[in-house]
Protein backbone atom coordinates (compact mmCIF):
# COMPACT_ATOMS: atom_id res chain seq x y z
CA MET A 1 42.79 -7.16 14.51
CA LEU A 2 41.18 -3.99 12.97
CA VAL A 3 38.26 -3.14 10.72
CA SER A 4 39.92 -2.44 7.43
CA ARG A 5 37.43 -0.14 5.59
CA LEU A 6 34.41 1.92 6.53
CA THR A 7 31.86 2.66 3.70
CA VAL A 8 29.25 5.27 4.15
CA VAL A 9 25.95 5.78 2.37
CA LEU A 10 24.17 8.97 2.88
CA TYR A 11 20.44 9.08 2.47
CA GLY A 12 18.78 12.39 1.49
CA GLY A 13 21.55 14.39 0.00
CA VAL A 14 21.82 17.99 -1.15
CA HIS A 15 20.60 19.96 -3.95
CA ASP A 16 20.46 23.61 -5.08
CA THR A 17 17.22 23.81 -3.36
CA LEU A 18 15.50 21.40 -1.03
CA HIS A 19 12.35 20.50 -2.90
CA SER A 20 10.97 17.58 -0.77
CA PHE A 21 13.21 15.16 1.12
CA CYS A 22 12.11 12.14 -0.94
CA ALA A 23 12.75 14.04 -4.28
CA ILE A 24 16.49 14.78 -3.47
CA PRO A 25 18.99 12.66 -5.19
CA MET A 26 21.09 10.50 -3.11
CA VAL A 27 24.65 11.28 -2.34
CA TYR A 28 27.07 8.39 -1.65
CA LEU A 29 30.09 9.06 0.53
CA CYS A 30 33.14 6.95 1.07
CA SER A 31 35.68 7.39 3.92
CA HIS A 32 38.99 6.12 2.67
CA ARG A 33 41.81 4.72 4.65
CA SER A 34 45.43 4.76 3.14
CA GLY A 35 46.06 2.21 0.45
CA HIS A 36 42.47 1.73 -0.60
CA ASP A 37 41.49 1.69 -4.19
CA ILE A 38 38.55 4.12 -5.18
CA ALA A 39 37.68 1.97 -8.14
CA LYS A 40 36.91 -0.90 -5.57
CA ASP A 41 34.81 1.47 -3.59
CA THR A 42 33.04 2.55 -6.73
CA ASN A 43 32.15 -1.07 -7.33
CA LEU A 44 31.01 -1.43 -3.73
CA LEU A 45 28.81 1.60 -3.98
CA THR A 46 27.29 0.31 -7.29
CA LEU A 47 26.57 -2.88 -5.48
CA ALA A 48 24.92 -1.01 -2.50
CA LEU A 49 23.07 1.20 -4.93
CA SER A 50 21.51 -1.86 -6.76
CA ILE A 51 20.47 -3.39 -3.25
CA LEU A 52 19.32 -0.16 -1.47
CA CYS A 53 18.12 2.38 -3.89
CA PRO A 54 14.59 2.02 -5.54
CA ARG A 55 15.05 4.99 -7.70
CA PRO A 56 15.93 3.94 -11.20
CA ASN A 57 17.37 7.44 -12.06
CA THR A 58 20.26 7.02 -9.42
CA ARG A 59 21.36 3.39 -10.27
CA SER A 60 24.58 4.62 -11.88
CA CYS A 61 28.02 5.56 -10.60
CA GLU A 62 27.63 8.83 -12.54
CA ASP A 63 25.24 9.92 -9.70
CA ILE A 64 27.80 9.21 -7.01
CA HIS A 65 29.13 12.38 -5.49
CA TRP A 66 32.43 11.80 -3.66
CA VAL A 67 32.63 14.03 -0.51
CA SER A 68 35.16 13.79 2.31
CA ILE A 69 33.63 13.73 5.84
CA HIS A 70 35.06 13.26 9.31
CA THR A 71 33.33 11.55 12.30
CA GLN A 72 34.64 11.02 15.74
CA ARG A 73 33.50 7.31 15.52
CA ASN A 74 36.57 5.14 16.28
CA ILE A 75 36.47 2.32 13.70
CA ASP A 76 39.69 0.82 15.03
CA THR A 77 37.65 -1.35 17.27
CA PRO A 78 38.97 -4.86 18.29
CA CYS A 79 36.93 -7.68 16.84
CA ASN A 80 36.51 -10.74 19.02
CA SER A 81 33.80 -13.01 20.20
CA HIS A 82 32.39 -10.69 22.86
CA THR A 83 32.28 -7.70 20.54
CA PRO A 84 30.16 -8.54 17.51
CA ILE A 85 31.31 -5.44 15.57
CA LEU A 86 30.90 -7.29 12.25
CA SER A 87 27.21 -7.42 12.71
CA GLN A 88 26.66 -3.86 14.10
CA LEU A 89 24.83 -1.36 12.09
CA LEU A 90 25.77 2.32 13.38
CA LEU A 91 23.43 5.13 12.91
CA HIS A 92 24.75 8.64 13.71
CA ARG A 93 23.50 12.24 12.90
CA VAL A 94 26.24 14.19 11.49
CA VAL A 95 26.56 17.59 9.62
CA VAL A 96 27.84 17.49 5.89
CA ARG A 97 29.34 20.49 4.17
CA THR A 98 29.23 20.43 0.50
CA MET A 99 30.86 22.69 -2.12
CA ARG A 100 27.75 24.86 -1.93
CA PRO A 101 27.31 27.10 1.10
CA LEU A 102 24.71 24.70 2.52
CA LEU A 103 24.63 22.94 5.84
CA ILE A 104 22.29 19.96 6.17
CA ALA A 105 21.72 17.70 9.09
CA VAL A 106 21.27 14.18 7.69
CA ASN A 107 21.10 10.57 8.79
CA ILE A 108 24.15 8.57 7.82
CA LEU A 109 23.84 4.92 7.54
CA PHE A 110 27.06 3.10 8.16
CA PHE A 111 27.77 -0.43 7.17
CA LEU A 112 30.98 -2.48 6.96
CA ASP A 113 32.24 -4.18 3.85
CA SER A 114 35.26 -6.20 2.93
CA VAL A 115 35.94 -6.46 6.66
CA VAL A 116 39.20 -8.12 7.69
CA CYS A 117 39.72 -9.73 11.18
CA GLY A 118 42.94 -11.37 11.37
CA GLY A 119 43.08 -12.04 7.72
CA GLY A 120 39.64 -13.67 7.66
CA GLY A 121 40.44 -15.99 10.59
CA GLY A 122 40.03 -15.20 14.20
CA SER A 123 39.00 -16.67 17.44
CA GLY A 124 35.49 -15.55 17.61
CA GLY A 125 34.04 -18.36 15.58
CA GLY A 126 30.48 -18.21 13.90
CA HIS A 127 30.06 -14.87 12.01
CA HIS A 128 33.39 -13.64 13.26
CA ALA A 129 35.37 -16.42 11.69
CA ARG A 130 35.40 -14.84 8.12
CA GLY A 131 35.23 -11.40 6.39
CA MET A 132 31.76 -10.19 5.78
CA THR A 133 30.48 -8.44 2.56
CA GLY A 134 27.89 -5.81 2.52
CA THR A 135 25.25 -8.33 1.34
CA ASP A 136 26.12 -10.39 4.41
CA LEU A 137 25.47 -7.53 6.60
CA LEU A 138 22.28 -6.77 4.82
CA SER A 139 21.02 -10.21 5.85
CA GLN A 140 21.64 -9.54 9.58
CA PRO A 141 18.50 -9.11 11.72
CA SER A 142 17.78 -6.29 14.08
CA GLN A 143 17.09 -6.30 17.81
CA THR A 144 13.38 -5.63 17.00
CA ASP A 145 13.25 -9.03 15.38
CA SER A 146 15.27 -10.83 18.10
CA ALA A 147 12.91 -13.83 18.34
CA GLU A 148 13.42 -14.52 14.71
CA SER A 149 17.09 -15.27 14.36
CA THR A 150 20.17 -16.61 16.25
CA THR A 151 22.28 -13.48 15.50
CA THR A 152 21.30 -10.06 16.51
CA THR A 153 22.69 -6.58 16.22
CA THR A 154 23.22 -4.26 19.20
CA THR A 155 21.67 -1.29 17.94
CA GLY A 156 18.39 -2.61 16.76
CA ILE A 157 18.18 -0.44 13.46
CA THR A 158 16.01 -1.98 10.90
CA THR A 159 14.89 1.17 9.10
CA GLY A 160 18.17 1.90 7.52
CA ILE A 161 19.13 -1.28 5.55
CA LEU A 162 16.28 -3.62 5.58
CA ASN A 163 13.53 -1.01 4.88
CA GLN A 164 15.66 0.42 2.07
CA ARG A 165 16.40 -2.78 0.26
CA GLY A 166 15.57 -2.38 -3.34
CA GLY A 167 14.97 -4.48 -6.34
CA ASP A 168 12.02 -6.75 -7.33
CA THR A 169 13.76 -9.96 -6.21
CA PRO A 170 13.73 -10.54 -2.46
CA PRO A 171 16.94 -11.61 -0.83
CA PRO A 172 17.65 -15.27 -0.61
CA THR A 173 16.66 -17.24 2.58
CA THR A 174 19.41 -17.87 4.92
CA ALA A 175 19.81 -19.21 8.39
CA THR A 176 19.53 -15.66 9.65
CA THR A 177 16.43 -14.63 7.68
CA THR A 178 13.83 -13.12 10.00
CA SER A 179 10.16 -13.94 10.20
CA SER A 180 9.44 -10.58 8.66
CA GLU A 181 11.72 -11.26 5.81
CA LEU A 182 10.05 -14.69 5.27
CA ILE A 183 6.67 -12.97 4.90
CA TRP A 184 7.94 -10.36 2.48
CA GLN A 185 9.83 -13.02 0.45
CA ALA A 186 6.82 -15.26 0.25
CA LEU A 187 4.79 -12.22 -1.04
CA CYS A 188 7.25 -11.05 -3.52
CA LYS A 189 7.98 -14.46 -5.02
CA ASN A 190 4.30 -14.83 -5.62
CA GLY A 191 4.14 -11.63 -7.63
CA VAL A 192 2.47 -9.47 -4.93
CA ASP A 193 3.74 -5.83 -5.45
CA THR A 194 1.13 -3.87 -3.37
CA VAL A 195 -0.21 -4.29 0.22
CA GLY A 196 -3.21 -2.50 1.72
CA PHE A 197 -2.34 -1.60 5.42
CA LEU A 198 -3.87 -0.23 8.54
CA PRO A 199 -1.66 0.24 11.44
CA CYS A 200 -1.05 -1.91 14.60
CA ASN A 201 1.93 -1.62 16.84
CA LYS A 202 2.28 -5.51 16.57
CA LEU A 203 2.95 -4.96 12.88
CA ASN A 204 5.76 -2.31 13.14
CA THR A 205 8.42 -4.93 13.08
CA LEU A 206 6.93 -6.42 9.92
CA MET A 207 6.59 -3.09 8.12
CA ARG A 208 10.04 -1.80 9.19
CA GLN A 209 11.46 -4.53 6.88
CA LYS A 210 9.17 -3.94 3.96
CA PRO A 211 11.25 -4.05 0.63
CA PRO A 212 11.19 -0.67 -1.37
CA SER A 213 9.70 -2.49 -4.38
CA MET A 214 6.57 -3.07 -2.34
CA THR A 215 3.88 -0.36 -2.58
CA VAL A 216 1.91 0.36 0.47
CA MET A 217 -1.68 1.74 0.21
CA ASP A 218 -2.39 3.44 3.51
CA LEU A 219 -6.09 2.63 4.33
CA THR A 220 -8.56 4.62 6.27
CA ARG A 221 -10.95 1.54 6.93
CA GLU A 222 -10.46 -2.22 6.33
CA SER A 223 -13.44 -2.56 4.05
CA THR A 224 -12.07 0.06 1.67
CA GLY A 225 -8.92 -1.93 1.21
CA LEU A 226 -10.96 -4.94 -0.06
CA GLY A 227 -12.48 -2.70 -2.86
CA LEU A 228 -9.05 -1.14 -3.77
CA LEU A 229 -7.25 -4.51 -3.95
CA PHE A 230 -10.01 -6.09 -5.81
CA GLY A 231 -9.82 -3.43 -8.50
CA ARG A 232 -6.22 -4.21 -8.87
CA SER A 233 -7.00 -7.81 -9.06
CA LEU A 234 -9.41 -7.21 -12.06
CA ALA A 235 -6.26 -6.00 -13.96
CA LYS A 236 -4.54 -9.22 -12.96
CA LYS A 237 -2.30 -7.56 -10.30
CA ARG A 238 -1.66 -9.46 -7.05
CA SER A 239 -1.95 -7.84 -3.55
CA ALA A 240 -2.23 -8.72 0.04
CA LEU A 241 -4.01 -7.03 3.00
CA ILE A 242 -2.14 -6.32 6.22
CA ILE A 243 -4.42 -5.19 9.24
CA GLN A 244 -5.20 -5.66 12.92
CA ASN A 245 -7.44 -8.43 13.77
CA THR A 246 -10.04 -6.26 15.42
CA GLY A 247 -10.65 -4.67 12.08
CA ILE A 248 -12.30 -7.90 10.72
CA GLY A 249 -15.68 -6.67 11.87
CA ASN A 250 -15.31 -3.63 9.43
CA LEU A 251 -14.83 -5.94 6.38
CA VAL A 252 -17.23 -8.87 6.69
CA THR A 253 -19.82 -7.57 4.12
CA GLU A 254 -17.22 -6.72 1.53
CA LEU A 255 -15.40 -9.93 2.17
CA PHE A 256 -18.42 -11.89 1.18
CA THR A 257 -19.79 -9.65 -1.69
CA ILE A 258 -16.63 -8.89 -3.35
CA GLN A 259 -13.75 -11.44 -2.85
CA LYS A 260 -15.83 -14.45 -2.15
CA LEU A 261 -18.56 -13.60 -4.48
CA TYR A 262 -16.37 -13.08 -7.53
CA GLN A 263 -14.01 -15.75 -6.23
CA GLU A 264 -10.95 -13.61 -6.35
CA ALA A 265 -7.83 -14.53 -4.27
CA LEU A 266 -6.44 -12.38 -1.46
CA PRO A 267 -4.13 -13.26 1.39
CA ILE A 268 -5.05 -11.30 4.53
CA PHE A 269 -2.41 -11.00 7.40
CA LEU A 270 -3.87 -10.17 10.83
CA SER A 271 -1.95 -9.03 13.81
CA TRP A 272 -3.59 -11.55 16.21
CA ARG A 273 -4.18 -9.37 19.39
CA GLY A 274 -5.95 -10.50 22.49
CA HIS A 275 -4.71 -13.95 23.13
CA TYR A 276 -0.89 -13.76 23.93
CA LYS A 277 0.36 -11.30 26.74
CA GLU A 278 -2.45 -8.90 25.80
CA PRO A 279 -2.81 -6.09 28.23
CA ILE A 280 -5.81 -4.46 26.64
CA GLU A 281 -9.07 -5.94 27.76
CA ALA A 282 -11.04 -4.71 24.58
CA GLN A 283 -8.58 -6.71 22.54
CA ARG A 284 -8.95 -9.90 24.52
CA ILE A 285 -12.74 -10.16 24.10
CA LEU A 286 -12.41 -10.58 20.33
CA GLY A 287 -8.90 -12.07 20.09
CA VAL A 288 -9.76 -15.32 21.91
CA LYS A 289 -12.85 -15.78 19.56
CA LEU A 290 -11.10 -15.13 16.38
CA PRO A 291 -10.47 -18.66 15.11
CA ALA A 292 -14.03 -19.59 15.81
CA LEU A 293 -15.26 -16.47 14.10
CA LEU A 294 -13.30 -17.39 11.00
CA GLU A 295 -14.47 -20.87 11.09
CA ALA A 296 -18.03 -19.56 11.16
CA MET A 297 -17.30 -17.34 8.21
CA ASP A 298 -16.18 -20.47 6.31
CA VAL A 299 -12.77 -18.89 5.36
CA GLU A 300 -9.35 -20.65 5.56
CA TYR A 301 -6.88 -19.35 8.15
CA LYS A 302 -3.49 -20.43 9.60
CA ILE A 303 -2.05 -19.64 13.05
CA ILE A 304 1.47 -18.34 12.81
CA GLU A 305 3.24 -18.38 16.31
CA THR A 306 6.84 -19.21 15.48
CA LYS A 307 9.25 -18.87 12.58
CA ALA A 308 8.85 -22.49 11.72
CA ASP A 309 5.13 -21.84 10.90
CA LEU A 310 6.35 -19.63 7.99
CA GLU A 311 8.50 -22.32 6.28
CA ASP A 312 5.59 -23.19 3.78
CA LEU A 313 4.22 -19.73 3.37
CA GLN A 314 5.42 -19.20 -0.07
CA ASP A 315 3.72 -22.32 -1.22
CA ASP A 316 0.67 -21.64 0.63
CA ILE A 317 0.20 -18.23 -0.83
CA GLN A 318 0.81 -19.72 -4.34
CA ARG A 319 -2.08 -22.10 -3.56
CA VAL A 320 -4.21 -19.06 -2.61
CA PHE A 321 -3.72 -17.24 -5.69
CA GLU A 322 -4.04 -20.34 -7.98
CA SER A 323 -7.38 -21.46 -6.22
CA GLY A 324 -8.88 -17.99 -6.12
CA ILE A 325 -9.67 -18.13 -2.46
CA LEU A 326 -9.32 -15.86 0.71
CA LYS A 327 -6.90 -16.90 3.50
CA PHE A 328 -6.24 -15.31 6.79
CA TYR A 329 -2.81 -15.51 8.39
CA LEU A 330 -3.03 -14.89 12.20
CA LEU A 331 0.24 -13.34 13.17
CA SER A 332 0.70 -13.96 16.87
CA PRO A 333 3.02 -11.59 18.75
CA GLN A 334 5.12 -14.53 19.60
CA VAL A 335 6.46 -14.55 16.02
CA TRP A 336 8.22 -11.30 16.73
CA GLU A 337 8.37 -11.38 20.62
CA SER A 338 10.05 -7.94 20.71
CA SER A 339 7.92 -5.52 18.67
CA ALA A 340 8.85 -1.94 17.96
CA ALA A 341 6.85 0.60 19.79
CA ASP A 342 6.74 3.11 16.93
CA TYR A 343 6.36 2.95 13.20
CA HIS A 344 9.47 3.64 11.15
CA VAL A 345 8.07 6.73 9.59
CA MET A 346 6.16 9.20 11.99
CA GLY A 347 3.54 11.67 10.66
CA GLN A 348 3.06 15.25 11.59
CA PRO A 349 0.11 17.58 10.59
CA ARG A 350 0.53 19.42 7.18
CA LEU A 351 -2.71 21.14 6.34
CA PRO A 352 -2.88 23.28 3.19
CA ALA A 353 -5.07 26.34 3.07
CA MET A 354 -8.31 25.58 1.49
CA ASP A 355 -11.35 27.73 0.18
CA ILE A 356 -14.55 25.83 -0.28
CA SER A 357 -17.08 27.32 -2.55
CA VAL A 358 -19.88 25.54 -4.17
CA SER A 359 -23.19 26.49 -5.62
CA GLY A 360 -26.61 25.51 -4.03
CA TYR A 361 -29.12 23.76 -5.94
CA HIS A 362 -32.94 24.29 -5.68
CA GLY A 363 -33.95 23.42 -9.23
CA THR A 364 -35.59 20.35 -10.72
CA PRO A 365 -33.48 17.78 -12.68
CA THR A 366 -34.55 16.81 -16.03
CA GLN A 367 -33.40 13.14 -16.27
CA THR A 368 -33.89 9.88 -14.16
CA ARG A 369 -30.98 7.76 -13.43
CA TYR A 370 -31.65 5.41 -16.34
CA GLN A 371 -31.65 8.24 -18.69
CA ALA A 372 -28.57 9.74 -17.34
CA ILE A 373 -26.76 6.28 -17.69
CA GLU A 374 -27.84 6.11 -21.29
CA VAL A 375 -26.25 9.46 -21.88
CA ILE A 376 -23.08 8.40 -20.14
CA LEU A 377 -22.76 5.01 -21.86
CA ASN A 378 -23.31 6.74 -25.38
CA ALA A 379 -20.59 9.30 -24.50
CA VAL A 380 -17.78 7.02 -23.48
CA THR A 381 -15.50 5.22 -25.93
CA ASP A 382 -15.42 1.35 -26.55
CA ARG A 383 -12.12 1.21 -24.70
CA ASP A 384 -13.38 3.02 -21.54
CA ILE A 385 -14.19 1.04 -18.52
CA VAL A 386 -17.61 1.54 -16.74
CA ILE A 387 -18.24 0.30 -13.25
CA PRO A 388 -21.84 0.82 -12.04
CA GLN A 389 -22.46 0.38 -8.31
CA ILE A 390 -24.85 -2.36 -6.98
CA GLY A 391 -28.67 -2.54 -7.27
CA PHE A 392 -30.46 -0.48 -9.91
CA PRO A 393 -27.46 1.42 -11.32
CA ALA A 394 -25.94 -1.95 -12.42
CA LYS A 395 -29.20 -3.38 -13.65
CA GLU A 396 -30.16 -0.24 -15.60
CA ALA A 397 -26.49 0.08 -17.00
CA TYR A 398 -26.90 -3.52 -18.31
CA ASN A 399 -30.34 -2.81 -19.88
CA ALA A 400 -29.19 0.69 -21.38
CA LYS A 401 -26.06 -0.70 -23.20
CA ASP A 402 -24.39 -3.93 -22.08
CA ARG A 403 -20.72 -3.84 -22.93
CA SER A 404 -18.00 -6.42 -22.22
CA THR A 405 -16.08 -3.63 -20.55
CA ASN A 406 -18.90 -2.90 -18.04
CA PHE A 407 -18.02 -4.41 -14.60
CA TYR A 408 -21.19 -4.79 -12.61
CA MET A 409 -21.07 -4.55 -8.88
CA LEU A 410 -23.51 -7.03 -7.45
CA GLY A 411 -22.78 -6.31 -3.82
CA ALA A 412 -20.78 -4.14 -1.19
CA LEU A 413 -22.61 -0.82 -1.21
CA GLY A 414 -20.06 1.94 -0.93
CA SER A 415 -17.31 0.02 -2.77
CA ALA A 416 -17.60 0.86 -6.45
CA THR A 417 -15.48 3.86 -6.28
CA GLU A 418 -12.94 2.03 -4.33
CA VAL A 419 -12.82 -0.73 -7.06
CA GLY A 420 -12.61 1.96 -9.73
CA ILE A 421 -9.54 3.58 -7.89
CA GLY A 422 -7.75 0.24 -7.62
CA LEU A 423 -8.46 -0.67 -11.29
CA ALA A 424 -7.58 2.78 -12.70
CA LEU A 425 -4.22 2.64 -10.91
CA ALA A 426 -3.39 -0.77 -12.29
CA LYS A 427 -4.63 0.09 -15.79
CA PRO A 428 -3.30 3.56 -16.60
CA ASP A 429 -3.92 3.08 -20.25
CA ARG A 430 -7.69 2.83 -19.84
CA HIS A 431 -10.13 5.45 -18.54
CA VAL A 432 -12.31 4.28 -15.85
CA TYR A 433 -15.85 5.73 -15.11
CA VAL A 434 -17.76 4.78 -11.99
CA LEU A 435 -21.57 5.22 -11.90
CA ASP A 436 -22.08 5.84 -8.20
CA GLY A 437 -24.85 7.47 -6.17
CA ASP A 438 -25.48 9.80 -3.21
CA GLY A 439 -26.51 7.05 -0.89
CA SER A 440 -23.32 5.22 -1.52
CA PHE A 441 -21.14 8.11 -0.49
CA PHE A 442 -23.19 8.96 2.58
CA PHE A 443 -22.81 5.16 3.38
CA ASN A 444 -18.99 5.16 2.92
CA PRO A 445 -17.61 8.71 2.77
CA ASN A 446 -14.18 7.34 3.01
CA GLN A 447 -14.43 6.97 -0.73
CA PHE A 448 -13.76 10.68 -0.91
CA LEU A 449 -10.66 10.32 1.19
CA ASP A 450 -9.28 7.49 -1.09
CA LEU A 451 -10.26 9.46 -4.21
CA ALA A 452 -8.25 12.46 -2.95
CA THR A 453 -5.33 10.25 -1.89
CA PHE A 454 -5.11 7.70 -4.67
CA GLY A 455 -7.19 8.97 -7.50
CA PRO A 456 -5.36 8.97 -10.85
CA ASP A 457 -6.11 11.10 -13.84
CA ASN A 458 -7.64 8.28 -15.72
CA LEU A 459 -10.50 7.98 -13.25
CA THR A 460 -13.87 9.80 -13.25
CA ILE A 461 -16.51 9.21 -10.58
CA ILE A 462 -20.04 10.18 -11.54
CA ILE A 463 -22.31 10.72 -8.54
CA LEU A 464 -25.86 10.25 -9.73
CA ASP A 465 -27.46 12.27 -6.92
CA ASN A 466 -31.34 11.72 -6.73
CA GLY A 467 -31.61 12.51 -3.05
CA SER A 468 -32.84 9.02 -2.56
CA TRP A 469 -31.89 5.38 -1.62
CA GLY A 470 -33.17 4.45 -5.07
CA SER A 471 -32.58 0.53 -4.81
CA THR A 472 -34.46 0.25 -1.66
CA GLY A 473 -37.66 2.19 -2.57
CA ASN A 474 -36.45 5.90 -2.82
CA GLN A 475 -36.30 6.80 0.75
CA PRO A 476 -34.81 10.30 1.20
CA THR A 477 -30.99 10.56 1.71
CA LEU A 478 -29.11 13.32 3.54
CA SER A 479 -28.96 15.40 0.25
CA SER A 480 -32.72 16.03 0.24
CA ASN A 481 -33.23 17.74 3.48
CA ASP A 482 -34.67 21.24 2.98
CA GLN A 483 -33.64 22.21 6.50
CA GLY A 484 -29.82 21.54 5.85
CA SER A 485 -28.84 18.93 3.35
CA ILE A 486 -25.30 17.55 3.18
CA HIS A 487 -23.72 18.69 0.20
CA LEU A 488 -21.52 16.03 -1.48
CA SER A 489 -19.69 18.50 -3.77
CA ALA A 490 -18.58 20.54 -0.65
CA MET A 491 -17.51 17.31 1.07
CA ALA A 492 -15.43 16.53 -1.99
CA GLN A 493 -13.87 19.87 -2.02
CA SER A 494 -13.10 19.65 1.72
CA VAL A 495 -10.78 16.67 1.24
CA GLY A 496 -8.92 18.20 -1.59
CA ILE A 497 -10.76 17.06 -4.72
CA THR A 498 -10.57 20.03 -7.15
CA LYS A 499 -11.16 18.67 -10.50
CA MET A 500 -14.85 18.39 -10.21
CA GLY A 501 -18.09 19.90 -11.43
CA MET A 502 -21.75 19.82 -10.57
CA THR A 503 -24.77 20.10 -13.13
CA ASP A 504 -28.26 18.83 -13.88
CA SER A 505 -27.77 19.40 -17.69
CA PRO A 506 -27.27 16.40 -19.91
CA GLU A 507 -25.36 18.62 -22.46
CA GLU A 508 -22.95 19.84 -19.71
CA LEU A 509 -22.51 16.32 -18.49
CA VAL A 510 -21.47 15.10 -21.91
CA GLN A 511 -19.16 18.06 -22.29
CA MET A 512 -17.54 17.22 -18.92
CA LEU A 513 -17.03 13.63 -19.91
CA LYS A 514 -15.45 14.49 -23.23
CA THR A 515 -12.85 16.90 -21.74
CA GLY A 516 -11.62 14.02 -19.55
CA ASN A 517 -10.36 16.50 -17.02
CA PHE A 518 -12.93 15.82 -14.29
CA GLN A 519 -12.08 13.53 -11.32
CA LEU A 520 -15.61 13.98 -9.99
CA ILE A 521 -18.93 14.92 -11.60
CA HIS A 522 -21.98 15.62 -9.31
CA TYR A 523 -24.98 14.98 -11.51
CA LEU A 524 -28.38 15.81 -10.18
CA ILE A 525 -31.11 13.51 -11.35
CA LEU A 526 -34.87 12.70 -10.64
CA PRO A 527 -35.71 9.91 -8.20
CA GLY A 528 -37.16 6.70 -9.53
CA ASN A 529 -36.25 3.34 -11.05
CA ASN A 530 -36.70 1.81 -14.53
CA LYS A 531 -39.22 -0.87 -13.48
CA GLN A 532 -38.97 -2.55 -16.95
CA ALA A 533 -35.26 -3.33 -16.49
CA VAL A 534 -34.55 -6.93 -16.41
CA ASP A 535 -32.11 -8.61 -14.16
CA ILE A 536 -28.42 -9.21 -15.19
CA PRO A 537 -28.32 -12.75 -16.50
CA PHE A 538 -24.62 -13.32 -15.64
CA SER A 539 -23.24 -14.76 -12.40
CA ALA A 540 -20.59 -12.81 -10.53
CA VAL A 541 -17.75 -15.06 -11.85
CA GLU A 542 -19.13 -14.76 -15.49
CA ILE A 543 -19.18 -10.88 -15.14
CA LYS A 544 -15.57 -10.95 -13.80
CA GLU A 545 -14.17 -13.35 -16.49
CA ARG A 546 -15.82 -11.72 -19.34
CA PHE A 547 -14.64 -8.35 -18.01
CA MET A 548 -10.92 -9.44 -17.35
CA LYS A 549 -10.81 -11.04 -20.84
CA ASN A 550 -11.69 -7.90 -22.57
CA ILE A 551 -9.49 -5.38 -20.68
CA VAL A 552 -6.21 -7.19 -21.38
């Protein structure tokens, strides 16, 4: 009883020049045995391509390059009940030589297809009693998810197949579907296409099996994720948040003053540290109190300790979105049991050279915040979206020029820019302007990091810098210290924001807005509030519903 055919899929590939690893087109290799039909292998690779490859420009047999290779792996391995070769995934590092004089070390992902063991019979029973297709093998779990399935592999490689599975439709649930796959399926089937993520080693198994169709927004702080994902939800995009449970303390304010205040749905998955075989004392002190803490916060939660706890997850997430609520899913380490120590993609420092040069400022601005907001609202078009931050900026924007495409932030200081980023990414056909302040960026400088990381071209952040905490009584901020003020423009440049300008001139401000080329405008203004401004008469939900209706 011998394995009849070995099909090889090569990730990475070769090109005239190596641009970046992710940009190189894939090369698909097939090792033939005598008597095999290349047309069948072409069909097989087309199938593999549709399952594994997220790049639309390589979903064609025309992009398959046939190259002969030789490995020293013996594929004539007996197949019996004690050697589950049919469910093994083999990962090797080999050297491939192409027609060009170029040697590249690459990772080859092997998988078996159209396997024949004694004509589809055999004495092994179970999964060894029939031939297995590539799709069958794609449904096999890895050792890192051993607690989730009755069938395991011997190599524990999840990053190859499961993390590369493509397409917008998750694989069907089978008897061997893992806990991780159940979670991703429940999200995908509910229209979730993006997750905000902060690392935890208890989440590595879950993230290894992320489908390629799912976008991951790597966060620097849990609270920033709430703003980013809320911005997406304003564009009717569905998201989820995946974080460690100790990070819950970093998002309480935003949780209440964004998602709960505006009644916008968000499923949040927590790695529930501190209660089950937890060696770290600092994790235990919060972990054991987590259910009581969530109850005190008056938010729904569900404890997930076994695979059985995930059976109704898809329906439960559907209810979350239909009801516009928050819900926490506490993922106990028991649900994985054997977690992966390392993330499937490791980072390494890559630091570009950088020259930071900004002008100082010792002049006197000519406009108050209210006057600046009037200028801005008269300069933008009716299709443009404007997001004023909380407090007087939102109130003054309403009084200066209420528009159905104004989204007024009523809470969560330091989140307006995050909301703007998420919304601009989800609505690339609309330009988004955020009216923010110096205090907001001192309060949450992570906004600079996310602007540099995610900020699209259809987004402009306007920092109205009056050197004061305007909404709380105009106390000085860090930009008004004569002995050494913190320069917000320099901070922005230091994280790689280059399309920016600084001015105190209304004329220059308008010109910057009309060019549409500025990601950040640092506009210097006088302190003080418009005391005649009336309160915004709409509730948070009314603001949201009016806004969403008019940006469709």
